[in-house]
Amino acid sequence: MDNLILKLIKENMESFTKQQKKIAQYLLIHYEEAAFFTAEELGEKSKTSEPTVVRFVKKLGFLKYSDLQNELRKVVKGKLYQIDRLNLSTEKNDLLSFVSYSMNKDIESIKKTLKNINESDLNRAIDWLLSSEKVFIIATHAEYGLACYFGHSLSWIRDKVFVLTTLHGMNYDEMYNITEKDLLVAISFPPYPKYTVDILNFNFLKGIKTLGITDNENSPIALFSNCCLYAHNEQISFVDNSAPTLSLLSVILTLVSKRDLTKANKKLEKLTEFWENSNLYYKK
């Protein structure tokens, strides 16, 4: 993993010309979009030119532009692991500058997520989350926390929600009786844990309704989902950028409750009464 393209660009930064540095700095920030640019488009976006891009490619040791493009696409497809992200931290060493940079990236990612929402797919997801007899949610590794948040919150407004934990946990065993009346939700982002993909694939082939929450249509989650919603995944640190996904999940939960407000109110009223009687919350 030491020869990752983004690390190579960063390590060679001092050897680039002033114009080549513009390309390098653009790629380090916008590599996801740049992976699908032509050489001419990259020149325009980086405020340089196509010939400068060609010289930049050769400076990095590639024979042609498509070689650089292929390396960038590997990153987009999830080849960037946590240790590699850690070594690609930004050059913003000032504490508040980095905080500002990181949070603004979150805002940009949420805006990109909003732009890519397909209304038809969103409607189908809401209908399935309401009408399915049982809802199973699978996520592992870094995404497990997202699954717990989504599953726990969904259980406040409907019954029979199960977050799959381990291969031998009670919730996992509950999936033994999964039928076409149920829904399996898979949440996964690069580098896509195999466990999540395998569980999704197995049930997809069985004819179970599957809903994917992932980063792009080339994701293995999208491949095995009847319906898929995408959250932009900007990788700027060893930890995943969960802000866009949390925002998307929160919106889905709100829309599910609004779609059948009577049912949601009835369930929440019972829960609120239970919480009050059990002194769940701190009171002065």
C-alpha atoms as a PDB file:
ATOM      1  CA  MET A   1       0.000   0.000   0.000  1.00  0.00           C
ATOM      2  CA  ASP A   2       3.086   2.299   0.152  1.00  0.00           C
ATOM      3  CA  ASN A   3       2.803   3.238  -3.536  1.00  0.00           C
ATOM      4  CA  LEU A   4      -0.675   4.727  -3.341  1.00  0.00           C
ATOM      5  CA  ILE A   5      -1.114   7.458  -5.909  1.00  0.00           C
ATOM      6  CA  LEU A   6      -2.159  10.143  -3.423  1.00  0.00           C
ATOM      7  CA  LYS A   7       0.856   9.456  -1.232  1.00  0.00           C
ATOM      8  CA  LEU A   8       3.109   9.507  -4.309  1.00  0.00           C
ATOM      9  CA  ILE A   9       1.762  12.931  -5.279  1.00  0.00           C
ATOM     10  CA  LYS A  10       2.273  14.301  -1.798  1.00  0.00           C
ATOM     11  CA  GLU A  11       5.811  12.942  -1.506  1.00  0.00           C
ATOM     12  CA  ASN A  12       6.799  14.566  -4.812  1.00  0.00           C
ATOM     13  CA  MET A  13       5.179  17.926  -4.098  1.00  0.00           C
ATOM     14  CA  GLU A  14       8.468  19.810  -3.697  1.00  0.00           C
ATOM     15  CA  SER A  15       9.788  18.567  -7.043  1.00  0.00           C
ATOM     16  CA  PHE A  16       6.824  19.883  -9.046  1.00  0.00           C
ATOM     17  CA  THR A  17       6.818  23.150 -10.950  1.00  0.00           C
ATOM     18  CA  LYS A  18       4.433  25.895  -9.846  1.00  0.00           C
ATOM     19  CA  GLN A  19       1.834  24.795 -12.420  1.00  0.00           C
ATOM     20  CA  GLN A  20       2.269  21.114 -11.586  1.00  0.00           C
ATOM     21  CA  LYS A  21       1.696  21.894  -7.903  1.00  0.00           C
ATOM     22  CA  LYS A  22      -1.704  23.304  -8.854  1.00  0.00           C
ATOM     23  CA  ILE A  23      -2.611  19.938 -10.378  1.00  0.00           C
ATOM     24  CA  ALA A  24      -1.210  18.038  -7.389  1.00  0.00           C
ATOM     25  CA  GLN A  25      -3.110  20.147  -4.862  1.00  0.00           C
ATOM     26  CA  TYR A  26      -6.312  19.790  -6.868  1.00  0.00           C
ATOM     27  CA  LEU A  27      -5.952  15.989  -7.042  1.00  0.00           C
ATOM     28  CA  LEU A  28      -5.299  15.611  -3.308  1.00  0.00           C
ATOM     29  CA  ILE A  29      -8.603  17.330  -2.566  1.00  0.00           C
ATOM     30  CA  HIS A  30     -10.793  16.356  -5.533  1.00  0.00           C
ATOM     31  CA  TYR A  31      -9.423  12.925  -6.501  1.00  0.00           C
ATOM     32  CA  GLU A  32     -12.917  11.355  -6.539  1.00  0.00           C
ATOM     33  CA  GLU A  33     -14.152  13.692  -9.273  1.00  0.00           C
ATOM     34  CA  ALA A  34     -10.773  13.857 -11.054  1.00  0.00           C
ATOM     35  CA  ALA A  35     -10.702  10.091 -11.475  1.00  0.00           C
ATOM     36  CA  PHE A  36     -13.294  10.532 -14.238  1.00  0.00           C
ATOM     37  CA  PHE A  37     -11.902  13.697 -15.875  1.00  0.00           C
ATOM     38  CA  THR A  38     -10.161  13.783 -19.225  1.00  0.00           C
ATOM     39  CA  ALA A  39      -6.688  15.352 -19.271  1.00  0.00           C
ATOM     40  CA  GLU A  40      -8.231  18.486 -20.767  1.00  0.00           C
ATOM     41  CA  GLU A  41     -10.879  18.676 -18.018  1.00  0.00           C
ATOM     42  CA  LEU A  42      -8.262  18.219 -15.290  1.00  0.00           C
ATOM     43  CA  GLY A  43      -6.261  21.063 -16.833  1.00  0.00           C
ATOM     44  CA  GLU A  44      -9.326  23.326 -16.790  1.00  0.00           C
ATOM     45  CA  LYS A  45     -10.333  22.431 -13.246  1.00  0.00           C
ATOM     46  CA  SER A  46      -6.824  22.917 -11.869  1.00  0.00           C
ATOM     47  CA  LYS A  47      -6.444  26.192 -13.802  1.00  0.00           C
ATOM     48  CA  THR A  48      -3.502  24.857 -15.806  1.00  0.00           C
ATOM     49  CA  SER A  49      -3.599  23.200 -19.260  1.00  0.00           C
ATOM     50  CA  GLU A  50      -3.723  19.802 -20.928  1.00  0.00           C
ATOM     51  CA  PRO A  51       0.011  19.863 -21.863  1.00  0.00           C
ATOM     52  CA  THR A  52       0.857  20.653 -18.217  1.00  0.00           C
ATOM     53  CA  VAL A  53      -1.237  17.658 -17.119  1.00  0.00           C
ATOM     54  CA  VAL A  54       0.661  15.424 -19.575  1.00  0.00           C
ATOM     55  CA  ARG A  55       4.016  16.630 -18.187  1.00  0.00           C
ATOM     56  CA  PHE A  56       2.725  16.112 -14.641  1.00  0.00           C
ATOM     57  CA  VAL A  57       1.768  12.505 -15.483  1.00  0.00           C
ATOM     58  CA  LYS A  58       5.240  11.772 -16.853  1.00  0.00           C
ATOM     59  CA  LYS A  59       6.839  13.425 -13.812  1.00  0.00           C
ATOM     60  CA  LEU A  60       5.024  10.869 -11.644  1.00  0.00           C
ATOM     61  CA  GLY A  61       6.457   8.043 -13.759  1.00  0.00           C
ATOM     62  CA  PHE A  62       3.383   7.124 -15.795  1.00  0.00           C
ATOM     63  CA  LEU A  63       3.513   6.575 -19.547  1.00  0.00           C
ATOM     64  CA  LYS A  64       0.098   8.053 -20.267  1.00  0.00           C
ATOM     65  CA  TYR A  65      -2.761   9.920 -18.582  1.00  0.00           C
ATOM     66  CA  SER A  66      -5.004   6.834 -18.430  1.00  0.00           C
ATOM     67  CA  ASP A  67      -2.435   5.163 -16.131  1.00  0.00           C
ATOM     68  CA  LEU A  68      -2.822   7.985 -13.604  1.00  0.00           C
ATOM     69  CA  GLN A  69      -6.592   7.858 -14.047  1.00  0.00           C
ATOM     70  CA  ASN A  70      -6.672   4.114 -13.294  1.00  0.00           C
ATOM     71  CA  GLU A  71      -4.740   4.641 -10.052  1.00  0.00           C
ATOM     72  CA  LEU A  72      -7.165   7.370  -8.971  1.00  0.00           C
ATOM     73  CA  ARG A  73     -10.118   5.100  -9.710  1.00  0.00           C
ATOM     74  CA  LYS A  74      -8.642   2.394  -7.485  1.00  0.00           C
ATOM     75  CA  VAL A  75      -8.811   4.877  -4.621  1.00  0.00           C
ATOM     76  CA  VAL A  76     -12.414   5.761  -5.431  1.00  0.00           C
ATOM     77  CA  LYS A  77     -13.377   2.082  -5.561  1.00  0.00           C
ATOM     78  CA  GLY A  78     -12.297   1.580  -1.983  1.00  0.00           C
ATOM     79  CA  LYS A  79      -8.640   0.593  -2.116  1.00  0.00           C
ATOM     80  CA  LEU A  80      -7.735   3.245   0.455  1.00  0.00           C
ATOM     81  CA  TYR A  81      -7.446   1.667   3.888  1.00  0.00           C
ATOM     82  CA  GLN A  82      -7.309   3.400   7.283  1.00  0.00           C
ATOM     83  CA  ILE A  83      -3.502   3.304   7.571  1.00  0.00           C
ATOM     84  CA  ASP A  84      -3.192   4.944   4.152  1.00  0.00           C
ATOM     85  CA  ARG A  85      -5.683   7.678   5.055  1.00  0.00           C
ATOM     86  CA  LEU A  86      -3.730   8.405   8.240  1.00  0.00           C
ATOM     87  CA  ASN A  87      -0.609   9.063   6.173  1.00  0.00           C
ATOM     88  CA  LEU A  88      -2.499  11.414   3.858  1.00  0.00           C
ATOM     89  CA  SER A  89      -3.476  13.999   6.450  1.00  0.00           C
ATOM     90  CA  THR A  90      -3.744  17.520   5.113  1.00  0.00           C
ATOM     91  CA  GLU A  91      -0.971  20.071   5.392  1.00  0.00           C
ATOM     92  CA  LYS A  92      -3.164  22.283   7.563  1.00  0.00           C
ATOM     93  CA  ASN A  93      -1.231  21.982  10.816  1.00  0.00           C
ATOM     94  CA  ASP A  94      -2.949  24.856  12.627  1.00  0.00           C
ATOM     95  CA  LEU A  95      -5.590  23.399  14.958  1.00  0.00           C
ATOM     96  CA  LEU A  96      -8.510  25.677  14.104  1.00  0.00           C
ATOM     97  CA  SER A  97      -7.617  25.719  10.410  1.00  0.00           C
ATOM     98  CA  PHE A  98      -7.926  21.953  10.302  1.00  0.00           C
ATOM     99  CA  VAL A  99     -11.205  22.033  12.258  1.00  0.00           C
ATOM    100  CA  SER A 100     -12.582  24.552   9.752  1.00  0.00           C
ATOM    101  CA  TYR A 101     -11.282  22.535   6.789  1.00  0.00           C
ATOM    102  CA  SER A 102     -12.751  19.261   8.102  1.00  0.00           C
ATOM    103  CA  MET A 103     -16.176  20.665   8.984  1.00  0.00           C
ATOM    104  CA  ASN A 104     -16.452  22.495   5.683  1.00  0.00           C
ATOM    105  CA  LYS A 105     -15.689  19.203   3.957  1.00  0.00           C
ATOM    106  CA  ASP A 106     -18.616  17.699   5.894  1.00  0.00           C
ATOM    107  CA  ILE A 107     -20.873  20.483   4.645  1.00  0.00           C
ATOM    108  CA  GLU A 108     -19.710  19.965   1.046  1.00  0.00           C
ATOM    109  CA  SER A 109     -20.295  16.217   1.332  1.00  0.00           C
ATOM    110  CA  ILE A 110     -23.824  16.698   2.664  1.00  0.00           C
ATOM    111  CA  LYS A 111     -24.574  19.027  -0.265  1.00  0.00           C
ATOM    112  CA  LYS A 112     -23.241  16.440  -2.725  1.00  0.00           C
ATOM    113  CA  THR A 113     -25.349  13.765  -1.037  1.00  0.00           C
ATOM    114  CA  LEU A 114     -28.455  15.931  -1.394  1.00  0.00           C
ATOM    115  CA  LYS A 115     -27.712  16.535  -5.071  1.00  0.00           C
ATOM    116  CA  ASN A 116     -27.497  12.787  -5.770  1.00  0.00           C
ATOM    117  CA  ILE A 117     -30.712  11.688  -4.045  1.00  0.00           C
ATOM    118  CA  ASN A 118     -33.065   9.909  -6.420  1.00  0.00           C
ATOM    119  CA  GLU A 119     -36.660  10.678  -5.403  1.00  0.00           C
ATOM    120  CA  SER A 120     -38.032   7.411  -6.783  1.00  0.00           C
ATOM    121  CA  ASP A 121     -35.485   5.320  -4.851  1.00  0.00           C
ATOM    122  CA  LEU A 122     -36.082   7.360  -1.698  1.00  0.00           C
ATOM    123  CA  ASN A 123     -39.835   6.780  -1.939  1.00  0.00           C
ATOM    124  CA  ARG A 124     -39.328   3.059  -2.431  1.00  0.00           C
ATOM    125  CA  ALA A 125     -37.001   2.894   0.587  1.00  0.00           C
ATOM    126  CA  ILE A 126     -39.572   4.665   2.787  1.00  0.00           C
ATOM    127  CA  ASP A 127     -42.367   2.364   1.615  1.00  0.00           C
ATOM    128  CA  TRP A 128     -40.295  -0.742   2.306  1.00  0.00           C
ATOM    129  CA  LEU A 129     -39.221   0.464   5.758  1.00  0.00           C
ATOM    130  CA  LEU A 130     -42.880   0.949   6.641  1.00  0.00           C
ATOM    131  CA  SER A 131     -44.539  -2.026   4.970  1.00  0.00           C
ATOM    132  CA  SER A 132     -42.010  -4.826   5.495  1.00  0.00           C
ATOM    133  CA  GLU A 133     -42.920  -7.316   8.202  1.00  0.00           C
ATOM    134  CA  LYS A 134     -39.413  -7.254   9.682  1.00  0.00           C
ATOM    135  CA  VAL A 135     -36.445  -4.980   9.030  1.00  0.00           C
ATOM    136  CA  PHE A 136     -32.923  -6.371   9.388  1.00  0.00           C
ATOM    137  CA  ILE A 137     -29.954  -3.989   9.374  1.00  0.00           C
ATOM    138  CA  ILE A 138     -26.440  -5.229   8.656  1.00  0.00           C
ATOM    139  CA  ALA A 139     -23.239  -3.216   9.027  1.00  0.00           C
ATOM    140  CA  THR A 140     -19.824  -4.102  10.345  1.00  0.00           C
ATOM    141  CA  HIS A 141     -16.592  -2.410  11.319  1.00  0.00           C
ATOM    142  CA  ALA A 142     -16.790   1.403  11.212  1.00  0.00           C
ATOM    143  CA  GLU A 143     -20.397   1.401   9.990  1.00  0.00           C
ATOM    144  CA  TYR A 144     -21.749  -0.630  12.919  1.00  0.00           C
ATOM    145  CA  GLY A 145     -22.400   2.527  14.949  1.00  0.00           C
ATOM    146  CA  LEU A 146     -24.475   3.927  12.089  1.00  0.00           C
ATOM    147  CA  ALA A 147     -26.518   0.724  11.987  1.00  0.00           C
ATOM    148  CA  CYS A 148     -27.170   0.911  15.740  1.00  0.00           C
ATOM    149  CA  TYR A 149     -28.318   4.529  15.453  1.00  0.00           C
ATOM    150  CA  PHE A 150     -30.595   3.788  12.510  1.00  0.00           C
ATOM    151  CA  GLY A 151     -32.016   0.570  13.944  1.00  0.00           C
ATOM    152  CA  HIS A 152     -32.576   1.951  17.438  1.00  0.00           C
ATOM    153  CA  SER A 153     -34.309   5.080  16.125  1.00  0.00           C
ATOM    154  CA  LEU A 154     -36.420   3.099  13.647  1.00  0.00           C
ATOM    155  CA  SER A 155     -37.586   0.827  16.481  1.00  0.00           C
ATOM    156  CA  TRP A 156     -39.160   3.873  18.144  1.00  0.00           C
ATOM    157  CA  ILE A 157     -41.697   4.179  15.315  1.00  0.00           C
ATOM    158  CA  ARG A 158     -42.198   0.566  14.167  1.00  0.00           C
ATOM    159  CA  ASP A 159     -41.875  -2.977  15.523  1.00  0.00           C
ATOM    160  CA  LYS A 160     -39.606  -5.859  14.561  1.00  0.00           C
ATOM    161  CA  VAL A 161     -36.355  -4.058  13.782  1.00  0.00           C
ATOM    162  CA  PHE A 162     -33.165  -6.103  14.175  1.00  0.00           C
ATOM    163  CA  VAL A 163     -29.572  -4.887  13.989  1.00  0.00           C
ATOM    164  CA  LEU A 164     -27.381  -7.860  13.097  1.00  0.00           C
ATOM    165  CA  THR A 165     -24.412  -8.016  15.430  1.00  0.00           C
ATOM    166  CA  THR A 166     -22.369 -11.219  15.181  1.00  0.00           C
ATOM    167  CA  LEU A 167     -22.547 -14.524  13.369  1.00  0.00           C
ATOM    168  CA  HIS A 168     -23.870 -16.174  16.523  1.00  0.00           C
ATOM    169  CA  GLY A 169     -25.871 -13.370  18.145  1.00  0.00           C
ATOM    170  CA  MET A 170     -29.594 -13.567  18.842  1.00  0.00           C
ATOM    171  CA  ASN A 171     -30.430 -10.976  16.187  1.00  0.00           C
ATOM    172  CA  TYR A 172     -28.408 -12.891  13.609  1.00  0.00           C
ATOM    173  CA  ASP A 173     -30.311 -16.095  14.415  1.00  0.00           C
ATOM    174  CA  GLU A 174     -33.559 -14.170  13.959  1.00  0.00           C
ATOM    175  CA  MET A 175     -32.623 -13.749  10.288  1.00  0.00           C
ATOM    176  CA  TYR A 176     -32.897 -17.521   9.810  1.00  0.00           C
ATOM    177  CA  ASN A 177     -36.610 -17.054   9.086  1.00  0.00           C
ATOM    178  CA  ILE A 178     -36.240 -14.029   6.801  1.00  0.00           C
ATOM    179  CA  THR A 179     -38.821 -14.074   4.000  1.00  0.00           C
ATOM    180  CA  GLU A 180     -39.811 -12.018   0.969  1.00  0.00           C
ATOM    181  CA  LYS A 181     -42.085 -10.026   3.290  1.00  0.00           C
ATOM    182  CA  ASP A 182     -39.019  -8.673   5.115  1.00  0.00           C
ATOM    183  CA  LEU A 183     -36.336  -6.104   4.266  1.00  0.00           C
ATOM    184  CA  LEU A 184     -32.563  -6.287   4.646  1.00  0.00           C
ATOM    185  CA  VAL A 185     -30.756  -2.930   4.908  1.00  0.00           C
ATOM    186  CA  ALA A 186     -26.982  -2.945   4.354  1.00  0.00           C
ATOM    187  CA  ILE A 187     -24.784   0.039   5.276  1.00  0.00           C
ATOM    188  CA  SER A 188     -21.237  -0.117   3.945  1.00  0.00           C
ATOM    189  CA  PHE A 189     -18.487   2.193   2.685  1.00  0.00           C
ATOM    190  CA  PRO A 190     -14.928   1.689   1.404  1.00  0.00           C
ATOM    191  CA  PRO A 191     -13.154  -0.621   1.889  1.00  0.00           C
ATOM    192  CA  TYR A 192     -16.471  -2.574   2.124  1.00  0.00           C
ATOM    193  CA  PRO A 193     -16.188  -5.311   4.806  1.00  0.00           C
ATOM    194  CA  LYS A 194     -16.625  -8.736   3.197  1.00  0.00           C
ATOM    195  CA  TYR A 195     -19.040  -9.918   5.912  1.00  0.00           C
ATOM    196  CA  THR A 196     -21.572  -7.226   4.999  1.00  0.00           C
ATOM    197  CA  VAL A 197     -21.275  -7.888   1.264  1.00  0.00           C
ATOM    198  CA  ASP A 198     -21.611 -11.670   1.736  1.00  0.00           C
ATOM    199  CA  ILE A 199     -24.752 -11.401   3.899  1.00  0.00           C
ATOM    200  CA  LEU A 200     -26.316  -8.975   1.425  1.00  0.00           C
ATOM    201  CA  ASN A 201     -25.414 -11.110  -1.587  1.00  0.00           C
ATOM    202  CA  PHE A 202     -26.786 -14.304   0.016  1.00  0.00           C
ATOM    203  CA  ASN A 203     -30.179 -12.729   0.742  1.00  0.00           C
ATOM    204  CA  PHE A 204     -30.334 -10.847  -2.561  1.00  0.00           C
ATOM    205  CA  LEU A 205     -29.970 -14.158  -4.410  1.00  0.00           C
ATOM    206  CA  LYS A 206     -32.736 -15.622  -2.218  1.00  0.00           C
ATOM    207  CA  GLY A 207     -35.117 -12.947  -3.485  1.00  0.00           C
ATOM    208  CA  ILE A 208     -35.233 -10.912  -0.267  1.00  0.00           C
ATOM    209  CA  LYS A 209     -35.821  -7.165  -0.664  1.00  0.00           C
ATOM    210  CA  THR A 210     -32.497  -5.385  -0.134  1.00  0.00           C
ATOM    211  CA  LEU A 211     -31.827  -1.712   0.515  1.00  0.00           C
ATOM    212  CA  GLY A 212     -28.267  -0.423   0.275  1.00  0.00           C
ATOM    213  CA  ILE A 213     -26.765   2.671   1.886  1.00  0.00           C
ATOM    214  CA  THR A 214     -23.354   3.200   0.309  1.00  0.00           C
ATOM    215  CA  ASP A 215     -21.141   5.705  -1.514  1.00  0.00           C
ATOM    216  CA  ASN A 216     -21.572   5.124  -5.258  1.00  0.00           C
ATOM    217  CA  GLU A 217     -23.163   2.914  -7.900  1.00  0.00           C
ATOM    218  CA  ASN A 218     -19.919   0.973  -8.417  1.00  0.00           C
ATOM    219  CA  SER A 219     -20.008  -0.216  -4.809  1.00  0.00           C
ATOM    220  CA  PRO A 220     -20.525  -3.983  -4.243  1.00  0.00           C
ATOM    221  CA  ILE A 221     -23.437  -2.952  -2.001  1.00  0.00           C
ATOM    222  CA  ALA A 222     -25.160  -1.333  -4.980  1.00  0.00           C
ATOM    223  CA  LEU A 223     -24.608  -4.507  -7.018  1.00  0.00           C
ATOM    224  CA  PHE A 224     -26.655  -6.623  -4.580  1.00  0.00           C
ATOM    225  CA  SER A 225     -29.348  -4.074  -3.666  1.00  0.00           C
ATOM    226  CA  ASN A 226     -32.817  -3.798  -5.193  1.00  0.00           C
ATOM    227  CA  CYS A 227     -32.786  -0.156  -4.135  1.00  0.00           C
ATOM    228  CA  CYS A 228     -29.810   1.997  -3.193  1.00  0.00           C
ATOM    229  CA  LEU A 229     -29.269   5.431  -1.641  1.00  0.00           C
ATOM    230  CA  TYR A 230     -25.894   7.141  -1.806  1.00  0.00           C
ATOM    231  CA  ALA A 231     -24.025   9.249   0.754  1.00  0.00           C
ATOM    232  CA  HIS A 232     -20.918  11.093  -0.414  1.00  0.00           C
ATOM    233  CA  ASN A 233     -17.846   9.636   1.285  1.00  0.00           C
ATOM    234  CA  GLU A 234     -14.957  12.118   1.455  1.00  0.00           C
ATOM    235  CA  GLN A 235     -11.956  10.321   2.948  1.00  0.00           C
ATOM    236  CA  ILE A 236      -9.780  12.955   4.632  1.00  0.00           C
ATOM    237  CA  SER A 237      -8.674  10.995   7.684  1.00  0.00           C
ATOM    238  CA  PHE A 238      -8.266   7.460   9.027  1.00  0.00           C
ATOM    239  CA  VAL A 239     -11.855   7.693  10.299  1.00  0.00           C
ATOM    240  CA  ASP A 240     -14.791   7.650   7.902  1.00  0.00           C
ATOM    241  CA  ASN A 241     -16.655  10.867   7.256  1.00  0.00           C
ATOM    242  CA  SER A 242     -20.021   9.846   8.718  1.00  0.00           C
ATOM    243  CA  ALA A 243     -21.721  13.257   8.633  1.00  0.00           C
ATOM    244  CA  PRO A 244     -23.391  12.780   5.192  1.00  0.00           C
ATOM    245  CA  THR A 245     -24.532   9.250   6.082  1.00  0.00           C
ATOM    246  CA  LEU A 246     -25.956  10.341   9.440  1.00  0.00           C
ATOM    247  CA  SER A 247     -27.739  13.207   7.713  1.00  0.00           C
ATOM    248  CA  LEU A 248     -29.223  10.847   5.109  1.00  0.00           C
ATOM    249  CA  LEU A 249     -30.294   8.299   7.735  1.00  0.00           C
ATOM    250  CA  SER A 250     -31.893  11.029   9.861  1.00  0.00           C
ATOM    251  CA  VAL A 251     -33.877  12.287   6.878  1.00  0.00           C
ATOM    252  CA  ILE A 252     -35.043   8.750   6.063  1.00  0.00           C
ATOM    253  CA  LEU A 253     -36.212   8.233   9.663  1.00  0.00           C
ATOM    254  CA  THR A 254     -38.129  11.514   9.645  1.00  0.00           C
ATOM    255  CA  LEU A 255     -39.779  10.727   6.317  1.00  0.00           C
ATOM    256  CA  VAL A 256     -40.779   7.241   7.495  1.00  0.00           C
ATOM    257  CA  SER A 257     -42.459   8.752  10.567  1.00  0.00           C
ATOM    258  CA  LYS A 258     -44.240  11.397   8.477  1.00  0.00           C
ATOM    259  CA  ARG A 259     -45.462   8.812   5.946  1.00  0.00           C
ATOM    260  CA  ASP A 260     -47.503   7.091   8.686  1.00  0.00           C
ATOM    261  CA  LEU A 261     -47.738   9.665  11.475  1.00  0.00           C
ATOM    262  CA  THR A 262     -50.557   7.867  13.310  1.00  0.00           C
ATOM    263  CA  LYS A 263     -48.560   4.656  13.631  1.00  0.00           C
ATOM    264  CA  ALA A 264     -45.411   6.533  14.684  1.00  0.00           C
ATOM    265  CA  ASN A 265     -47.299   8.536  17.332  1.00  0.00           C
ATOM    266  CA  LYS A 266     -48.923   5.412  18.753  1.00  0.00           C
ATOM    267  CA  LYS A 267     -45.583   3.616  19.134  1.00  0.00           C
ATOM    268  CA  LEU A 268     -43.822   6.664  20.604  1.00  0.00           C
ATOM    269  CA  GLU A 269     -46.634   7.286  23.103  1.00  0.00           C
ATOM    270  CA  LYS A 270     -46.228   3.766  24.486  1.00  0.00           C
ATOM    271  CA  LEU A 271     -42.457   4.135  24.644  1.00  0.00           C
ATOM    272  CA  THR A 272     -42.662   7.532  26.337  1.00  0.00           C
ATOM    273  CA  GLU A 273     -44.966   6.101  28.990  1.00  0.00           C
ATOM    274  CA  PHE A 274     -42.538   3.230  29.552  1.00  0.00           C
ATOM    275  CA  TRP A 275     -39.558   5.604  29.796  1.00  0.00           C
ATOM    276  CA  GLU A 276     -41.406   7.753  32.321  1.00  0.00           C
ATOM    277  CA  ASN A 277     -42.416   4.786  34.478  1.00  0.00           C
ATOM    278  CA  SER A 278     -38.922   3.326  34.455  1.00  0.00           C
ATOM    279  CA  ASN A 279     -37.237   6.675  35.259  1.00  0.00           C
ATOM    280  CA  LEU A 280     -35.017   6.341  32.221  1.00  0.00           C
ATOM    281  CA  TYR A 281     -34.048  10.019  32.043  1.00  0.00           C
ATOM    282  CA  TYR A 282     -32.321  12.128  34.675  1.00  0.00           C
ATOM    283  CA  LYS A 283     -34.531  14.611  36.516  1.00  0.00           C
ATOM    284  CA  LYS A 284     -33.463  17.316  38.945  1.00  0.00           C
END
